[in-house]
PDB file of N, CA and C in Angstrom:
ATOM      1  N   MET A   1      37.295  51.298-247.143  1.00  0.00           N
ATOM      2  CA  MET A   1      37.292  51.369-245.877  1.00  0.00           C
ATOM      3  C   MET A   1      36.434  51.937-245.130  1.00  0.00           C
ATOM      4  N   LYS A   2      35.449  51.765-244.094  1.00  0.00           N
ATOM      5  CA  LYS A   2      34.600  52.027-242.790  1.00  0.00           C
ATOM      6  C   LYS A   2      35.231  53.077-242.340  1.00  0.00           C
ATOM      7  N   THR A   3      34.381  53.918-242.099  1.00  0.00           N
ATOM      8  CA  THR A   3      34.957  54.970-241.158  1.00  0.00           C
ATOM      9  C   THR A   3      34.341  55.203-239.547  1.00  0.00           C
ATOM     10  N   GLU A   4      33.621  54.048-239.610  1.00  0.00           N
ATOM     11  CA  GLU A   4      32.886  54.022-237.876  1.00  0.00           C
ATOM     12  C   GLU A   4      33.855  53.194-236.992  1.00  0.00           C
ATOM     13  N   GLY A   5      33.675  53.740-236.010  1.00  0.00           N
ATOM     14  CA  GLY A   5      34.497  53.371-234.623  1.00  0.00           C
ATOM     15  C   GLY A   5      33.929  53.282-233.499  1.00  0.00           C
ATOM     16  N   CYS A   6      34.701  53.273-232.378  1.00  0.00           N
ATOM     17  CA  CYS A   6      34.517  53.341-231.228  1.00  0.00           C
ATOM     18  C   CYS A   6      35.297  53.803-230.286  1.00  0.00           C
ATOM     19  N   HIS A   7      34.908  54.817-229.601  1.00  0.00           N
ATOM     20  CA  HIS A   7      36.045  55.598-228.847  1.00  0.00           C
ATOM     21  C   HIS A   7      35.414  55.694-227.268  1.00  0.00           C
ATOM     22  N   VAL A   8      36.230  54.950-226.332  1.00  0.00           N
ATOM     23  CA  VAL A   8      36.095  54.561-225.392  1.00  0.00           C
ATOM     24  C   VAL A   8      36.971  55.742-224.343  1.00  0.00           C
ATOM     25  N   ILE A   9      36.428  56.469-223.284  1.00  0.00           N
ATOM     26  CA  ILE A   9      37.166  57.824-222.894  1.00  0.00           C
ATOM     27  C   ILE A   9      36.694  57.206-221.199  1.00  0.00           C
ATOM     28  N   ALA A  10      37.685  57.061-220.450  1.00  0.00           N
ATOM     29  CA  ALA A  10      37.714  56.576-218.909  1.00  0.00           C
ATOM     30  C   ALA A  10      38.350  58.119-218.121  1.00  0.00           C
ATOM     31  N   ASP A  11      37.382  58.076-217.031  1.00  0.00           N
ATOM     32  CA  ASP A  11      38.159  59.178-215.931  1.00  0.00           C
ATOM     33  C   ASP A  11      38.266  57.863-214.683  1.00  0.00           C
ATOM     34  N   VAL A  12      39.613  58.077-214.085  1.00  0.00           N
ATOM     35  CA  VAL A  12      39.607  56.734-213.071  1.00  0.00           C
ATOM     36  C   VAL A  12      40.416  57.252-211.909  1.00  0.00           C
ATOM     37  N   TRP A  13      39.772  57.337-210.668  1.00  0.00           N
ATOM     38  CA  TRP A  13      40.721  58.038-209.613  1.00  0.00           C
ATOM     39  C   TRP A  13      40.556  56.363-208.428  1.00  0.00           C
ATOM     40  N   VAL A  14      41.846  56.267-208.137  1.00  0.00           N
ATOM     41  CA  VAL A  14      42.328  54.836-207.644  1.00  0.00           C
ATOM     42  C   VAL A  14      42.543  54.848-206.175  1.00  0.00           C
ATOM     43  N   GLU A  15      42.781  54.073-205.660  1.00  0.00           N
ATOM     44  CA  GLU A  15      42.680  54.208-203.939  1.00  0.00           C
ATOM     45  C   GLU A  15      44.211  54.311-204.090  1.00  0.00           C
ATOM     46  N   GLU A  16      45.205  53.780-204.687  1.00  0.00           N
ATOM     47  CA  GLU A  16      46.332  53.627-203.922  1.00  0.00           C
ATOM     48  C   GLU A  16      47.295  53.877-206.222  1.00  0.00           C
ATOM     49  N   TYR A  17      47.642  54.349-206.276  1.00  0.00           N
ATOM     50  CA  TYR A  17      48.539  54.307-207.715  1.00  0.00           C
ATOM     51  C   TYR A  17      49.449  53.389-207.886  1.00  0.00           C
ATOM     52  N   PRO A  18      49.763  52.870-208.987  1.00  0.00           N
ATOM     53  CA  PRO A  18      50.926  51.711-209.320  1.00  0.00           C
ATOM     54  C   PRO A  18      52.388  52.239-208.748  1.00  0.00           C
ATOM     55  N   GLU A  19      52.599  50.850-207.718  1.00  0.00           N
ATOM     56  CA  GLU A  19      53.939  50.880-207.318  1.00  0.00           C
ATOM     57  C   GLU A  19      54.805  51.067-208.353  1.00  0.00           C
ATOM     58  N   ASP A  20      54.722  49.445-209.145  1.00  0.00           N
ATOM     59  CA  ASP A  20      55.876  49.561-210.586  1.00  0.00           C
ATOM     60  C   ASP A  20      54.948  49.514-211.901  1.00  0.00           C
ATOM     61  N   ILE A  21      55.451  51.110-211.977  1.00  0.00           N
ATOM     62  CA  ILE A  21      55.111  51.208-213.420  1.00  0.00           C
ATOM     63  C   ILE A  21      55.325  50.757-214.767  1.00  0.00           C
ATOM     64  N   SER A  22      56.454  49.826-214.644  1.00  0.00           N
ATOM     65  CA  SER A  22      56.813  48.982-215.698  1.00  0.00           C
ATOM     66  C   SER A  22      55.982  48.168-216.049  1.00  0.00           C
ATOM     67  N   LEU A  23      55.629  47.285-214.647  1.00  0.00           N
ATOM     68  CA  LEU A  23      54.742  46.342-214.683  1.00  0.00           C
ATOM     69  C   LEU A  23      53.063  46.280-215.270  1.00  0.00           C
ATOM     70  N   PHE A  24      53.040  47.836-214.920  1.00  0.00           N
ATOM     71  CA  PHE A  24      51.539  48.475-214.788  1.00  0.00           C
ATOM     72  C   PHE A  24      51.311  48.275-216.971  1.00  0.00           C
ATOM     73  N   LEU A  25      52.325  49.086-216.997  1.00  0.00           N
ATOM     74  CA  LEU A  25      52.548  49.541-218.541  1.00  0.00           C
ATOM     75  C   LEU A  25      52.480  47.876-219.196  1.00  0.00           C
ATOM     76  N   ASP A  26      53.138  46.657-218.791  1.00  0.00           N
ATOM     77  CA  ASP A  26      53.087  45.847-219.063  1.00  0.00           C
ATOM     78  C   ASP A  26      51.478  45.214-219.540  1.00  0.00           C
ATOM     79  N   LYS A  27      50.900  45.079-218.124  1.00  0.00           N
ATOM     80  CA  LYS A  27      49.350  44.918-218.105  1.00  0.00           C
ATOM     81  C   LYS A  27      48.676  45.455-218.743  1.00  0.00           C
ATOM     82  N   ILE A  28      48.846  47.021-219.246  1.00  0.00           N
ATOM     83  CA  ILE A  28      48.382  47.607-220.146  1.00  0.00           C
ATOM     84  C   ILE A  28      48.164  47.071-221.614  1.00  0.00           C
ATOM     85  N   SER A  29      49.223  46.773-221.993  1.00  0.00           N
ATOM     86  CA  SER A  29      49.414  45.975-223.020  1.00  0.00           C
ATOM     87  C   SER A  29      48.931  44.478-223.090  1.00  0.00           C
ATOM     88  N   LYS A  30      48.869  43.784-222.114  1.00  0.00           N
ATOM     89  CA  LYS A  30      48.742  42.671-222.343  1.00  0.00           C
ATOM     90  C   LYS A  30      46.598  43.069-222.093  1.00  0.00           C
ATOM     91  N   SER A  31      46.018  43.809-221.869  1.00  0.00           N
ATOM     92  CA  SER A  31      44.804  44.310-221.777  1.00  0.00           C
ATOM     93  C   SER A  31      44.262  44.535-223.521  1.00  0.00           C
ATOM     94  N   ILE A  32      45.412  45.084-224.057  1.00  0.00           N
ATOM     95  CA  ILE A  32      45.237  45.565-225.437  1.00  0.00           C
ATOM     96  C   ILE A  32      45.121  44.701-226.370  1.00  0.00           C
ATOM     97  N   ASP A  33      46.249  43.467-225.821  1.00  0.00           N
ATOM     98  CA  ASP A  33      45.899  42.458-226.563  1.00  0.00           C
ATOM     99  C   ASP A  33      44.963  41.505-226.462  1.00  0.00           C
ATOM    100  N   LEU A  34      44.711  41.259-225.485  1.00  0.00           N
ATOM    101  CA  LEU A  34      43.182  40.441-225.186  1.00  0.00           C
ATOM    102  C   LEU A  34      41.996  41.118-225.771  1.00  0.00           C
ATOM    103  N   SER A  35      41.994  42.104-226.013  1.00  0.00           N
ATOM    104  CA  SER A  35      40.972  43.003-226.523  1.00  0.00           C
ATOM    105  C   SER A  35      40.635  42.700-227.984  1.00  0.00           C
ATOM    106  N   GLY A  36      41.694  42.391-228.622  1.00  0.00           N
ATOM    107  CA  GLY A  36      41.789  41.784-230.231  1.00  0.00           C
ATOM    108  C   GLY A  36      42.466  42.881-230.863  1.00  0.00           C
ATOM    109  N   LEU A  37      43.111  43.735-230.034  1.00  0.00           N
ATOM    110  CA  LEU A  37      43.994  45.043-230.796  1.00  0.00           C
ATOM    111  C   LEU A  37      45.147  44.833-230.974  1.00  0.00           C
ATOM    112  N   THR A  38      45.680  45.407-232.009  1.00  0.00           N
ATOM    113  CA  THR A  38      46.958  45.078-232.566  1.00  0.00           C
ATOM    114  C   THR A  38      47.938  46.221-232.415  1.00  0.00           C
ATOM    115  N   ILE A  39      49.476  46.248-231.452  1.00  0.00           N
ATOM    116  CA  ILE A  39      49.962  47.451-230.674  1.00  0.00           C
ATOM    117  C   ILE A  39      50.908  47.511-232.194  1.00  0.00           C
ATOM    118  N   VAL A  40      51.272  48.605-232.350  1.00  0.00           N
ATOM    119  CA  VAL A  40      52.409  48.745-233.675  1.00  0.00           C
ATOM    120  C   VAL A  40      53.144  49.402-233.296  1.00  0.00           C
ATOM    121  N   SER A  41      53.110  50.092-232.102  1.00  0.00           N
ATOM    122  CA  SER A  41      54.137  51.088-231.659  1.00  0.00           C
ATOM    123  C   SER A  41      53.822  51.764-230.153  1.00  0.00           C
ATOM    124  N   THR A  42      54.972  51.719-229.340  1.00  0.00           N
ATOM    125  CA  THR A  42      54.421  52.260-228.157  1.00  0.00           C
ATOM    126  C   THR A  42      55.318  53.811-227.598  1.00  0.00           C
ATOM    127  N   LYS A  43      54.862  54.531-227.124  1.00  0.00           N
ATOM    128  CA  LYS A  43      55.785  55.818-226.619  1.00  0.00           C
ATOM    129  C   LYS A  43      55.416  56.193-225.410  1.00  0.00           C
ATOM    130  N   THR A  44      56.342  55.925-224.717  1.00  0.00           N
ATOM    131  CA  THR A  44      56.084  56.672-223.134  1.00  0.00           C
ATOM    132  C   THR A  44      57.134  57.574-222.473  1.00  0.00           C
ATOM    133  N   HIS A  45      56.310  58.716-222.052  1.00  0.00           N
ATOM    134  CA  HIS A  45      57.214  59.823-221.618  1.00  0.00           C
ATOM    135  C   HIS A  45      56.762  59.661-219.679  1.00  0.00           C
ATOM    136  N   PHE A  46      58.021  60.099-219.296  1.00  0.00           N
ATOM    137  CA  PHE A  46      57.860  59.977-218.036  1.00  0.00           C
ATOM    138  C   PHE A  46      57.852  61.433-217.074  1.00  0.00           C
ATOM    139  N   PHE A  47      57.053  61.927-216.226  1.00  0.00           N
ATOM    140  CA  PHE A  47      57.516  63.214-216.218  1.00  0.00           C
ATOM    141  C   PHE A  47      58.147  63.724-214.895  1.00  0.00           C
ATOM    142  N   ASN A  48      58.150  62.580-213.956  1.00  0.00           N
ATOM    143  CA  ASN A  48      58.661  62.305-212.761  1.00  0.00           C
ATOM    144  C   ASN A  48      58.611  61.099-212.494  1.00  0.00           C
ATOM    145  N   ASP A  49      59.550  60.576-211.262  1.00  0.00           N
ATOM    146  CA  ASP A  49      59.182  59.179-210.765  1.00  0.00           C
ATOM    147  C   ASP A  49      58.305  58.485-211.336  1.00  0.00           C
ATOM    148  N   ALA A  50      56.885  59.134-211.251  1.00  0.00           N
ATOM    149  CA  ALA A  50      55.516  57.745-211.156  1.00  0.00           C
ATOM    150  C   ALA A  50      54.833  59.070-212.204  1.00  0.00           C
ATOM    151  N   ALA A  51      54.933  60.211-212.377  1.00  0.00           N
ATOM    152  CA  ALA A  51      53.744  60.159-213.431  1.00  0.00           C
ATOM    153  C   ALA A  51      54.308  60.304-214.834  1.00  0.00           C
ATOM    154  N   PHE A  52      53.374  59.788-215.833  1.00  0.00           N
ATOM    155  CA  PHE A  52      53.799  59.179-217.041  1.00  0.00           C
ATOM    156  C   PHE A  52      52.389  59.289-218.116  1.00  0.00           C
ATOM    157  N   THR A  53      52.699  59.512-219.524  1.00  0.00           N
ATOM    158  CA  THR A  53      51.854  59.872-220.537  1.00  0.00           C
ATOM    159  C   THR A  53      52.188  58.173-221.298  1.00  0.00           C
ATOM    160  N   ALA A  54      51.570  57.662-221.811  1.00  0.00           N
ATOM    161  CA  ALA A  54      51.803  56.446-222.555  1.00  0.00           C
ATOM    162  C   ALA A  54      50.902  56.388-223.739  1.00  0.00           C
ATOM    163  N   VAL A  55      51.724  56.034-225.181  1.00  0.00           N
ATOM    164  CA  VAL A  55      50.832  56.096-226.058  1.00  0.00           C
ATOM    165  C   VAL A  55      50.505  54.880-226.944  1.00  0.00           C
ATOM    166  N   PHE A  56      49.855  53.845-227.192  1.00  0.00           N
ATOM    167  CA  PHE A  56      49.964  52.823-228.128  1.00  0.00           C
ATOM    168  C   PHE A  56      49.288  52.453-229.069  1.00  0.00           C
ATOM    169  N   ILE A  57      50.377  52.737-230.231  1.00  0.00           N
ATOM    170  CA  ILE A  57      49.648  53.044-231.698  1.00  0.00           C
ATOM    171  C   ILE A  57      49.266  52.036-231.666  1.00  0.00           C
ATOM    172  N   LEU A  58      47.746  51.826-232.318  1.00  0.00           N
ATOM    173  CA  LEU A  58      47.465  50.106-232.751  1.00  0.00           C
ATOM    174  C   LEU A  58      47.053  50.574-234.210  1.00  0.00           C
ATOM    175  N   ALA A  59      46.652  49.030-234.944  1.00  0.00           N
ATOM    176  CA  ALA A  59      46.657  49.092-236.127  1.00  0.00           C
ATOM    177  C   ALA A  59      45.413  49.666-236.827  1.00  0.00           C
ATOM    178  N   GLU A  60      44.505  49.942-235.086  1.00  0.00           N
ATOM    179  CA  GLU A  60      43.063  49.861-235.193  1.00  0.00           C
ATOM    180  C   GLU A  60      43.001  51.699-234.831  1.00  0.00           C
ATOM    181  N   SER A  61      43.947  52.176-234.716  1.00  0.00           N
ATOM    182  CA  SER A  61      44.044  53.541-234.175  1.00  0.00           C
ATOM    183  C   SER A  61      44.595  53.961-232.820  1.00  0.00           C
ATOM    184  N   HIS A  62      44.240  54.037-232.043  1.00  0.00           N
ATOM    185  CA  HIS A  62      45.212  54.263-230.537  1.00  0.00           C
ATOM    186  C   HIS A  62      44.591  53.830-228.771  1.00  0.00           C
ATOM    187  N   PHE A  63      45.610  53.868-228.428  1.00  0.00           N
ATOM    188  CA  PHE A  63      45.173  53.674-226.711  1.00  0.00           C
ATOM    189  C   PHE A  63      45.888  54.842-226.018  1.00  0.00           C
ATOM    190  N   SER A  64      45.585  55.782-225.253  1.00  0.00           N
ATOM    191  CA  SER A  64      46.461  56.255-224.461  1.00  0.00           C
ATOM    192  C   SER A  64      46.160  56.470-222.961  1.00  0.00           C
ATOM    193  N   ILE A  65      46.979  56.958-222.164  1.00  0.00           N
ATOM    194  CA  ILE A  65      47.000  57.045-220.580  1.00  0.00           C
ATOM    195  C   ILE A  65      47.768  58.008-220.427  1.00  0.00           C
ATOM    196  N   HIS A  66      46.831  58.920-219.645  1.00  0.00           N
ATOM    197  CA  HIS A  66      47.643  59.768-218.753  1.00  0.00           C
ATOM    198  C   HIS A  66      47.535  59.977-217.302  1.00  0.00           C
ATOM    199  N   THR A  67      48.464  59.752-216.159  1.00  0.00           N
ATOM    200  CA  THR A  67      48.439  60.056-215.243  1.00  0.00           C
ATOM    201  C   THR A  67      48.507  61.160-214.496  1.00  0.00           C
ATOM    202  N   PHE A  68      48.191  60.987-213.213  1.00  0.00           N
ATOM    203  CA  PHE A  68      48.326  62.109-211.937  1.00  0.00           C
ATOM    204  C   PHE A  68      48.646  61.419-210.865  1.00  0.00           C
ATOM    205  N   PRO A  69      49.713  60.570-210.351  1.00  0.00           N
ATOM    206  CA  PRO A  69      49.756  60.163-209.103  1.00  0.00           C
ATOM    207  C   PRO A  69      49.424  61.161-207.963  1.00  0.00           C
ATOM    208  N   GLU A  70      50.026  62.154-208.146  1.00  0.00           N
ATOM    209  CA  GLU A  70      49.991  63.128-206.842  1.00  0.00           C
ATOM    210  C   GLU A  70      48.462  63.478-206.737  1.00  0.00           C
ATOM    211  N   ARG A  71      47.179  62.732-207.308  1.00  0.00           N
ATOM    212  CA  ARG A  71      45.928  62.911-207.120  1.00  0.00           C
ATOM    213  C   ARG A  71      45.276  61.569-207.416  1.00  0.00           C
ATOM    214  N   ASN A  72      45.618  60.685-207.487  1.00  0.00           N
ATOM    215  CA  ASN A  72      45.481  59.046-207.605  1.00  0.00           C
ATOM    216  C   ASN A  72      44.427  59.211-209.151  1.00  0.00           C
ATOM    217  N   PHE A  73      44.765  59.984-210.028  1.00  0.00           N
ATOM    218  CA  PHE A  73      43.798  59.949-211.311  1.00  0.00           C
ATOM    219  C   PHE A  73      44.536  59.665-211.876  1.00  0.00           C
ATOM    220  N   MET A  74      43.804  59.271-213.275  1.00  0.00           N
ATOM    221  CA  MET A  74      44.527  58.854-214.432  1.00  0.00           C
ATOM    222  C   MET A  74      43.170  58.940-215.748  1.00  0.00           C
ATOM    223  N   SER A  75      43.547  59.258-216.828  1.00  0.00           N
ATOM    224  CA  SER A  75      42.790  59.318-217.559  1.00  0.00           C
ATOM    225  C   SER A  75      42.961  58.403-218.935  1.00  0.00           C
ATOM    226  N   LEU A  76      42.108  57.253-219.387  1.00  0.00           N
ATOM    227  CA  LEU A  76      42.351  56.031-220.851  1.00  0.00           C
ATOM    228  C   LEU A  76      41.654  56.994-221.552  1.00  0.00           C
ATOM    229  N   ASP A  77      41.749  56.391-222.670  1.00  0.00           N
ATOM    230  CA  ASP A  77      41.091  56.815-224.146  1.00  0.00           C
ATOM    231  C   ASP A  77      41.709  55.449-224.660  1.00  0.00           C
ATOM    232  N   CYS A  78      40.627  55.239-225.455  1.00  0.00           N
ATOM    233  CA  CYS A  78      40.875  53.798-226.375  1.00  0.00           C
ATOM    234  C   CYS A  78      40.143  53.886-227.710  1.00  0.00           C
ATOM    235  N   TYR A  79      40.692  54.379-228.782  1.00  0.00           N
ATOM    236  CA  TYR A  79      39.649  54.732-230.236  1.00  0.00           C
ATOM    237  C   TYR A  79      39.874  53.800-231.031  1.00  0.00           C
ATOM    238  N   THR A  80      39.105  53.339-231.808  1.00  0.00           N
ATOM    239  CA  THR A  80      39.225  52.313-232.537  1.00  0.00           C
ATOM    240  C   THR A  80      38.559  52.855-233.996  1.00  0.00           C
ATOM    241  N   CYS A  81      39.041  52.223-235.279  1.00  0.00           N
ATOM    242  CA  CYS A  81      37.904  52.418-236.531  1.00  0.00           C
ATOM    243  C   CYS A  81      37.886  51.068-236.522  1.00  0.00           C
ATOM    244  N   GLY A  82      36.556  50.724-237.697  1.00  0.00           N
ATOM    245  CA  GLY A  82      36.072  49.565-237.950  1.00  0.00           C
ATOM    246  C   GLY A  82      35.381  48.937-236.856  1.00  0.00           C
ATOM    247  N   GLU A  83      35.075  47.419-237.013  1.00  0.00           N
ATOM    248  CA  GLU A  83      34.527  46.699-236.321  1.00  0.00           C
ATOM    249  C   GLU A  83      35.725  45.614-235.207  1.00  0.00           C
ATOM    250  N   LYS A  84      37.209  45.795-235.760  1.00  0.00           N
ATOM    251  CA  LYS A  84      38.139  44.751-234.980  1.00  0.00           C
ATOM    252  C   LYS A  84      38.091  45.150-233.723  1.00  0.00           C
ATOM    253  N   GLY A  85      38.253  44.281-232.648  1.00  0.00           N
ATOM    254  CA  GLY A  85      38.723  44.284-231.541  1.00  0.00           C
ATOM    255  C   GLY A  85      37.799  45.205-230.815  1.00  0.00           C
ATOM    256  N   LYS A  86      37.776  45.185-229.133  1.00  0.00           N
ATOM    257  CA  LYS A  86      36.644  45.736-228.400  1.00  0.00           C
ATOM    258  C   LYS A  86      37.291  46.823-227.519  1.00  0.00           C
ATOM    259  N   PRO A  87      37.202  47.782-227.576  1.00  0.00           N
ATOM    260  CA  PRO A  87      38.044  49.036-226.975  1.00  0.00           C
ATOM    261  C   PRO A  87      37.403  48.967-225.600  1.00  0.00           C
ATOM    262  N   LEU A  88      36.125  48.830-225.295  1.00  0.00           N
ATOM    263  CA  LEU A  88      35.973  48.676-223.857  1.00  0.00           C
ATOM    264  C   LEU A  88      36.405  48.055-222.911  1.00  0.00           C
ATOM    265  N   PHE A  89      36.011  46.592-223.505  1.00  0.00           N
ATOM    266  CA  PHE A  89      37.105  45.508-223.003  1.00  0.00           C
ATOM    267  C   PHE A  89      38.477  45.973-222.583  1.00  0.00           C
ATOM    268  N   ALA A  90      39.328  46.528-223.504  1.00  0.00           N
ATOM    269  CA  ALA A  90      40.636  47.051-223.115  1.00  0.00           C
ATOM    270  C   ALA A  90      40.434  47.908-222.332  1.00  0.00           C
ATOM    271  N   VAL A  91      39.868  48.585-221.691  1.00  0.00           N
ATOM    272  CA  VAL A  91      39.716  49.890-221.466  1.00  0.00           C
ATOM    273  C   VAL A  91      39.152  49.186-219.624  1.00  0.00           C
ATOM    274  N   SER A  92      38.441  48.672-219.515  1.00  0.00           N
ATOM    275  CA  SER A  92      37.799  47.719-218.449  1.00  0.00           C
ATOM    276  C   SER A  92      38.713  46.742-217.970  1.00  0.00           C
ATOM    277  N   ASN A  93      39.525  46.181-218.566  1.00  0.00           N
ATOM    278  CA  ASN A  93      40.680  45.170-217.964  1.00  0.00           C
ATOM    279  C   ASN A  93      41.735  45.947-217.235  1.00  0.00           C
ATOM    280  N   VAL A  94      42.062  47.198-218.045  1.00  0.00           N
ATOM    281  CA  VAL A  94      43.361  47.845-217.111  1.00  0.00           C
ATOM    282  C   VAL A  94      42.806  48.316-215.857  1.00  0.00           C
ATOM    283  N   LEU A  95      41.203  48.465-215.803  1.00  0.00           N
ATOM    284  CA  LEU A  95      40.635  48.883-214.447  1.00  0.00           C
ATOM    285  C   LEU A  95      40.996  48.041-213.891  1.00  0.00           C
ATOM    286  N   ASP A  96      40.714  46.398-214.161  1.00  0.00           N
ATOM    287  CA  ASP A  96      40.508  45.337-213.302  1.00  0.00           C
ATOM    288  C   ASP A  96      42.013  44.811-212.338  1.00  0.00           C
ATOM    289  N   TYR A  97      43.322  45.606-212.945  1.00  0.00           N
ATOM    290  CA  TYR A  97      44.534  45.658-212.309  1.00  0.00           C
ATOM    291  C   TYR A  97      44.389  46.540-211.220  1.00  0.00           C
ATOM    292  N   LEU A  98      43.583  47.676-210.946  1.00  0.00           N
ATOM    293  CA  LEU A  98      43.490  48.719-210.204  1.00  0.00           C
ATOM    294  C   LEU A  98      42.558  48.695-209.218  1.00  0.00           C
ATOM    295  N   GLU A  99      42.847  49.062-207.997  1.00  0.00           N
ATOM    296  CA  GLU A  99      41.592  49.593-206.588  1.00  0.00           C
ATOM    297  C   GLU A  99      41.026  50.774-206.788  1.00  0.00           C
ATOM    298  N   VAL A 100      40.091  50.456-208.133  1.00  0.00           N
ATOM    299  CA  VAL A 100      39.519  52.009-208.460  1.00  0.00           C
ATOM    300  C   VAL A 100      38.178  52.424-207.532  1.00  0.00           C
ATOM    301  N   LYS A 101      38.462  53.596-206.949  1.00  0.00           N
ATOM    302  CA  LYS A 101      37.470  54.022-205.922  1.00  0.00           C
ATOM    303  C   LYS A 101      36.584  55.187-206.724  1.00  0.00           C
ATOM    304  N   ARG A 102      36.526  55.718-207.767  1.00  0.00           N
ATOM    305  CA  ARG A 102      35.577  55.973-208.928  1.00  0.00           C
ATOM    306  C   ARG A 102      36.379  55.907-210.385  1.00  0.00           C
ATOM    307  N   SER A 103      35.404  56.019-210.933  1.00  0.00           N
ATOM    308  CA  SER A 103      35.790  55.824-212.155  1.00  0.00           C
ATOM    309  C   SER A 103      34.324  56.568-213.034  1.00  0.00           C
ATOM    310  N   ASP A 104      34.208  57.423-214.439  1.00  0.00           N
ATOM    311  CA  ASP A 104      33.307  57.607-215.220  1.00  0.00           C
ATOM    312  C   ASP A 104      33.955  57.123-216.633  1.00  0.00           C
ATOM    313  N   ILE A 105      33.430  56.836-217.469  1.00  0.00           N
ATOM    314  CA  ILE A 105      33.597  55.507-218.524  1.00  0.00           C
ATOM    315  C   ILE A 105      32.353  56.267-219.510  1.00  0.00           C
ATOM    316  N   LYS A 106      32.746  56.575-220.895  1.00  0.00           N
ATOM    317  CA  LYS A 106      31.764  57.375-221.704  1.00  0.00           C
ATOM    318  C   LYS A 106      32.445  56.177-223.068  1.00  0.00           C
ATOM    319  N   VAL A 107      31.421  55.802-223.720  1.00  0.00           N
ATOM    320  CA  VAL A 107      31.422  55.116-224.929  1.00  0.00           C
ATOM    321  C   VAL A 107      30.577  56.173-226.276  1.00  0.00           C
ATOM    322  N   ILE A 108      31.371  56.440-227.423  1.00  0.00           N
ATOM    323  CA  ILE A 108      31.152  57.079-227.964  1.00  0.00           C
ATOM    324  C   ILE A 108      31.425  56.323-229.668  1.00  0.00           C
ATOM    325  N   CYS A 109      29.857  56.467-230.329  1.00  0.00           N
ATOM    326  CA  CYS A 109      30.031  55.676-231.448  1.00  0.00           C
ATOM    327  C   CYS A 109      31.040  56.771-232.430  1.00  0.00           C
ATOM    328  N   ARG A 110      31.345  56.505-233.357  1.00  0.00           N
ATOM    329  CA  ARG A 110      32.023  58.153-234.023  1.00  0.00           C
ATOM    330  C   ARG A 110      32.175  57.486-235.519  1.00  0.00           C
ATOM    331  N   GLY A 111      32.237  58.394-236.687  1.00  0.00           N
ATOM    332  CA  GLY A 111      32.267  58.040-237.891  1.00  0.00           C
ATOM    333  C   GLY A 111      31.024  57.585-238.665  1.00  0.00           C
ATOM    334  N   LYS A 112      29.637  57.810-238.076  1.00  0.00           N
ATOM    335  CA  LYS A 112      28.705  57.015-238.656  1.00  0.00           C
ATOM    336  C   LYS A 112      27.960  58.135-239.173  1.00  0.00           C
ATOM    337  N   PHE A 113      27.549  58.105-240.800  1.00  0.00           N
ATOM    338  CA  PHE A 113      26.986  59.102-241.808  1.00  0.00           C
ATOM    339  C   PHE A 113      25.874  58.809-241.826  1.00  0.00           C
TER     340      PHE A 113
END
């Protein structure tokens, strides 16, 4: 098994926080699927009516999102092992669903020896 992977980290500020969280979570799932990654399990924790953390366990590793609606901010993280899937596409496709004010995206190659 190869140890090489790709880690995409995004800090995102939006004009307006998504009103329908259930629909937003569905769009995240669809973005992951469209990127060629496989969702094995999902766990979501709600802190109040709008703030949540969701972790999508992938066959290739994970995708997570942490939200701060009071600041119109969210952080996204997609890490994959191997060459399957497109983690940058997964993150950028999620951003397409939002009215992004500002974003800071980093792509890190991991596990190369």
